[in-house]
Protein backbone atom coordinates (compact mmCIF):
# COMPACT_ATOMS: atom_id res chain seq x y z
CA MET A 1 74.09 100.56 14.63
CA LYS A 2 75.94 97.32 13.91
CA TYR A 3 78.89 96.07 15.90
CA GLN A 4 82.02 97.81 14.59
CA ASN A 5 85.54 96.48 14.18
CA PRO A 6 86.68 96.73 17.83
CA PHE A 7 90.30 97.50 16.93
CA ARG A 8 89.15 100.64 15.13
CA THR A 9 87.57 101.92 18.34
CA LEU A 10 90.85 101.87 20.31
CA THR A 11 92.29 105.28 21.09
CA PRO A 12 96.03 106.00 20.67
CA ARG A 13 96.44 105.74 24.46
CA GLU A 14 94.71 102.36 24.50
CA TYR A 15 96.89 101.11 21.67
CA VAL A 16 99.96 102.12 23.68
CA ILE A 17 98.72 100.29 26.79
CA TRP A 18 97.85 97.20 24.75
CA ILE A 19 101.12 97.09 22.79
CA VAL A 20 103.27 97.74 25.87
CA SER A 21 101.46 94.90 27.63
CA LEU A 22 101.99 92.52 24.70
CA VAL A 23 105.68 93.43 24.40
CA ALA A 24 106.34 93.06 28.15
CA VAL A 25 104.82 89.60 28.23
CA SER A 26 106.55 88.48 25.02
CA VAL A 27 109.99 89.74 26.06
CA SER A 28 109.79 87.97 29.41
CA PHE A 29 108.85 84.75 27.62
CA PHE A 30 111.75 84.78 25.16
CA LEU A 31 114.28 85.75 27.82
CA GLY A 32 113.34 82.70 29.87
CA SER A 33 115.33 79.49 29.80
CA GLU A 34 112.31 77.33 28.99
CA HIS A 35 109.59 78.08 26.47
CA ASP A 36 106.14 76.77 27.31
CA LEU A 37 103.95 78.31 24.62
CA LEU A 38 100.86 78.12 26.80
CA THR A 39 102.41 80.49 29.35
CA LEU A 40 102.85 82.98 26.50
CA LEU A 41 99.50 82.47 24.80
CA ALA A 42 97.44 82.86 27.99
CA PRO A 43 98.86 86.29 28.94
CA LEU A 44 98.60 87.57 25.34
CA VAL A 45 94.91 86.66 25.24
CA GLY A 46 94.43 88.05 28.74
CA VAL A 47 95.86 91.52 28.15
CA THR A 48 93.94 91.78 24.87
CA ALA A 49 90.73 90.88 26.69
CA LEU A 50 91.34 93.53 29.35
CA ILE A 51 91.87 96.45 27.00
CA PHE A 52 88.45 95.78 25.49
CA ILE A 53 86.81 95.24 28.87
CA ALA A 54 88.26 98.62 29.86
CA LYS A 55 86.31 100.08 26.94
CA GLY A 56 83.12 98.28 27.92
CA ASP A 57 83.34 96.20 24.74
CA VAL A 58 81.77 92.73 24.89
CA LEU A 59 84.71 91.29 22.91
CA GLY A 60 86.71 91.57 26.12
CA GLN A 61 84.35 89.20 27.92
CA ALA A 62 84.46 86.69 25.07
CA LEU A 63 88.27 86.68 25.15
CA THR A 64 88.15 86.32 28.94
CA VAL A 65 86.42 82.95 28.53
CA ILE A 66 89.34 81.76 26.38
CA PHE A 67 91.92 83.20 28.78
CA ALA A 68 90.27 81.53 31.78
CA LEU A 69 90.48 78.11 30.12
CA LEU A 70 94.15 78.57 29.16
CA TYR A 71 95.06 79.91 32.59
CA ALA A 72 93.32 76.99 34.29
CA VAL A 73 95.59 74.56 32.42
CA VAL A 74 98.74 76.50 33.38
CA SER A 75 97.60 76.58 37.02
CA TYR A 76 96.90 72.84 37.03
CA ARG A 77 100.44 72.11 35.88
CA LEU A 78 101.82 73.99 38.91
CA GLN A 79 99.28 72.49 41.34
CA TYR A 80 97.69 75.88 41.94
CA TYR A 81 94.34 74.17 42.26
CA GLY A 82 92.72 77.28 43.69
CA GLU A 83 93.53 79.20 40.52
CA MET A 84 92.48 76.29 38.32
CA ILE A 85 89.11 75.83 40.02
CA THR A 86 88.47 79.57 40.25
CA TYR A 87 89.07 80.26 36.58
CA LEU A 88 87.58 77.04 35.23
CA PHE A 89 84.41 76.95 37.31
CA MET A 90 83.92 80.61 38.18
CA SER A 91 85.74 83.10 35.95
CA ALA A 92 84.97 81.33 32.67
CA PRO A 93 81.22 80.83 33.40
CA VAL A 94 80.84 84.37 34.77
CA ALA A 95 82.56 85.80 31.70
CA PHE A 96 80.23 83.74 29.50
CA VAL A 97 77.07 85.00 31.19
CA SER A 98 78.58 88.50 31.15
CA VAL A 99 78.75 88.28 27.36
CA ILE A 100 74.98 87.72 27.36
CA SER A 101 74.39 90.46 29.94
CA TRP A 102 76.49 93.01 28.09
CA LEU A 103 74.86 92.18 24.74
CA ARG A 104 71.46 92.76 26.36
CA HIS A 105 72.54 96.10 27.85
CA PRO A 106 74.33 98.13 25.16
CA TYR A 107 74.63 101.86 25.58
CA GLY A 108 71.98 103.21 23.26
CA GLU A 109 72.67 102.00 19.75
CA ASN A 110 76.41 101.71 20.33
CA LYS A 111 77.01 97.95 20.24
CA ASN A 112 80.69 98.46 21.15
CA GLU A 113 79.88 100.00 24.53
CA VAL A 114 77.97 98.52 27.45
CA ALA A 115 75.63 100.60 29.59
CA VAL A 116 77.41 101.23 32.89
CA ALA A 117 75.32 100.48 36.00
CA LYS A 118 75.30 101.91 39.52
CA LEU A 119 74.82 99.38 42.31
CA SER A 120 72.49 100.01 45.24
CA ALA A 121 73.58 99.70 48.88
CA LYS A 122 71.60 96.45 49.17
CA ALA A 123 73.42 95.03 46.15
CA TRP A 124 76.80 95.85 47.70
CA ILE A 125 75.86 94.21 51.01
CA PHE A 126 74.56 91.09 49.28
CA LEU A 127 77.68 90.84 47.12
CA CYS A 128 79.98 91.14 50.14
CA LEU A 129 78.07 88.43 52.03
CA LEU A 130 78.04 86.16 48.98
CA THR A 131 81.78 86.67 48.47
CA ALA A 132 82.44 85.74 52.10
CA ALA A 133 80.35 82.57 51.76
CA VAL A 134 82.04 81.52 48.50
CA THR A 135 85.48 82.20 49.99
CA ALA A 136 84.74 80.03 53.04
CA VAL A 137 83.58 77.13 50.87
CA PHE A 138 86.65 77.39 48.64
CA TYR A 139 89.01 77.54 51.61
CA PHE A 140 87.93 74.12 52.86
CA LEU A 141 87.82 72.72 49.33
CA LEU A 142 91.33 73.90 48.52
CA ASP A 143 92.60 72.71 51.87
CA ALA A 144 91.24 69.23 51.12
CA LEU A 145 93.08 69.30 47.77
CA ASN A 146 96.39 70.21 49.47
CA THR A 147 96.59 73.36 47.41
CA ALA A 148 99.97 75.09 47.33
CA ARG A 149 100.02 78.39 49.25
CA LEU A 150 96.51 77.94 50.59
CA LEU A 151 95.97 81.38 52.12
CA VAL A 152 97.16 83.27 49.04
CA SER A 153 95.06 81.02 46.78
CA THR A 154 92.01 81.61 48.97
CA LEU A 155 92.54 85.38 48.86
CA SER A 156 92.77 85.10 45.09
CA VAL A 157 89.40 83.33 45.04
CA ALA A 158 87.79 86.09 47.12
CA THR A 159 89.11 88.99 45.03
CA SER A 160 88.46 87.19 41.75
CA PHE A 161 84.85 86.31 42.63
CA PHE A 162 84.16 89.84 43.86
CA ALA A 163 85.63 91.40 40.72
CA ALA A 164 83.96 88.96 38.31
CA SER A 165 80.59 89.67 39.92
CA LEU A 166 81.11 93.42 39.55
CA THR A 167 81.98 92.89 35.89
CA PHE A 168 78.76 90.94 35.34
CA LEU A 169 76.83 93.71 37.13
CA ARG A 170 78.50 96.31 34.90
CA SER A 171 80.01 98.31 37.76
CA PRO A 172 83.09 100.54 37.26
CA PHE A 173 84.49 99.14 40.50
CA TYR A 174 85.25 95.86 38.74
CA GLY A 175 88.59 97.47 37.89
CA LEU A 176 89.56 97.94 41.53
CA GLY A 177 88.42 94.41 42.37
CA TYR A 178 90.58 92.92 39.65
CA ALA A 179 93.48 95.22 40.55
CA ALA A 180 93.45 93.70 44.04
CA ASN A 181 93.34 90.24 42.48
CA ASP A 182 96.27 91.17 40.22
CA VAL A 183 98.43 92.08 43.22
CA VAL A 184 97.67 88.72 44.84
CA LEU A 185 98.52 86.85 41.65
CA ILE A 186 101.73 88.79 41.08
CA VAL A 187 102.88 87.51 44.47
CA LEU A 188 101.69 83.98 43.73
CA TRP A 189 103.45 83.68 40.36
CA THR A 190 106.59 85.49 41.53
CA VAL A 191 107.10 82.72 44.07
CA ALA A 192 106.54 80.12 41.34
CA SER A 193 108.93 81.78 38.88
CA ILE A 194 111.78 81.85 41.42
CA LYS A 195 111.93 78.06 41.23
CA GLU A 196 110.74 77.69 37.63
CA PRO A 197 111.66 80.73 35.47
CA GLN A 198 109.35 79.67 32.63
CA TYR A 199 106.50 81.07 34.72
CA LEU A 200 107.93 84.61 34.64
CA PRO A 201 105.55 85.59 31.81
CA MET A 202 102.67 85.01 34.22
CA VAL A 203 104.18 87.63 36.56
CA LEU A 204 104.44 90.09 33.70
CA CYS A 205 100.95 89.05 32.63
CA PHE A 206 99.38 90.15 35.88
CA ALA A 207 101.56 93.25 36.08
CA ALA A 208 100.10 94.17 32.67
CA PHE A 209 96.66 93.19 33.98
CA LEU A 210 97.14 95.61 36.87
CA LEU A 211 97.88 98.45 34.45
CA ASN A 212 94.83 97.58 32.34
CA ASP A 213 92.48 97.17 35.31
CA VAL A 214 93.47 100.51 36.85
CA TYR A 215 92.92 102.13 33.47
CA GLY A 216 89.61 100.27 33.16
CA PHE A 217 88.35 101.68 36.47
CA PHE A 218 89.05 105.28 35.48
CA ASN A 219 87.75 104.80 31.94
CA TRP A 220 84.53 103.22 33.20
CA ARG A 221 84.05 106.15 35.60
CA TYR A 222 84.41 108.41 32.59
CA LEU A 223 81.92 106.32 30.60
CA GLN A 224 79.49 106.36 33.52
CA LYS A 225 79.70 110.14 33.80
CA ARG A 226 79.31 110.65 30.05
CA GLN A 227 76.36 108.27 29.84
CA LYS A 228 74.64 109.94 32.80
CA GLU A 229 75.13 113.41 31.35
CA ALA A 230 73.72 112.22 28.02
CA LYS A 231 70.71 110.69 29.79
CA ASP A 232 70.08 113.82 31.85
CA SER A 233 70.22 115.98 28.74
CA GLY A 234 67.93 113.62 26.83
CA ILE A 235 70.62 112.71 24.33
CA GLU A 236 71.36 109.04 23.77
CA GLN A 237 74.45 107.64 22.02
CA LYS A 238 73.83 106.84 18.37
């Protein structure tokens, strides 16, 4: 089966989530006193990426690469060097290799759906240790760069790395990892928008991300269950 038009695969519920996310971000942008188009474009790309990631569609990972680059620029402007470095040198590369991983692991012949994986206990332990090591390195790096709100930025690195790794590994728990990261970033950008209202769309962006990531977790659990049942019954998706 060839790769289908991804927008035709969205369910009515997914269209509602996507459109509500787009409207929320857009309204917050136009109600602001200053209009920086990049702070609108980044969230629009981001929420679109997430609705397809929630479906296990590789298009979501491709759009994540674009979002990460745009978000890195916005973060640099506000001296959120932790966010800039995380998305430029971690999120974007991980999303890129995830594109390759997901293309190599489709569910059966359905090119619009990735095969969901279950991680072993050893994999979880290794991932936790690796996340701790990466977080420690970033803490000292960000401290040396005089990063604004160091502790919050470091926590963002930890949750982002953990979630990005789970996405690459095709685990349903990526959604919970990114949901935790969304909460951290909502706090981070809320503080920024109090002084500079043009950054309000970033708050709405990650609020929309939170909605999408929670939905993604539950949808991936559904996909995992359906794929397992199909495998156990000897029926593979065509």
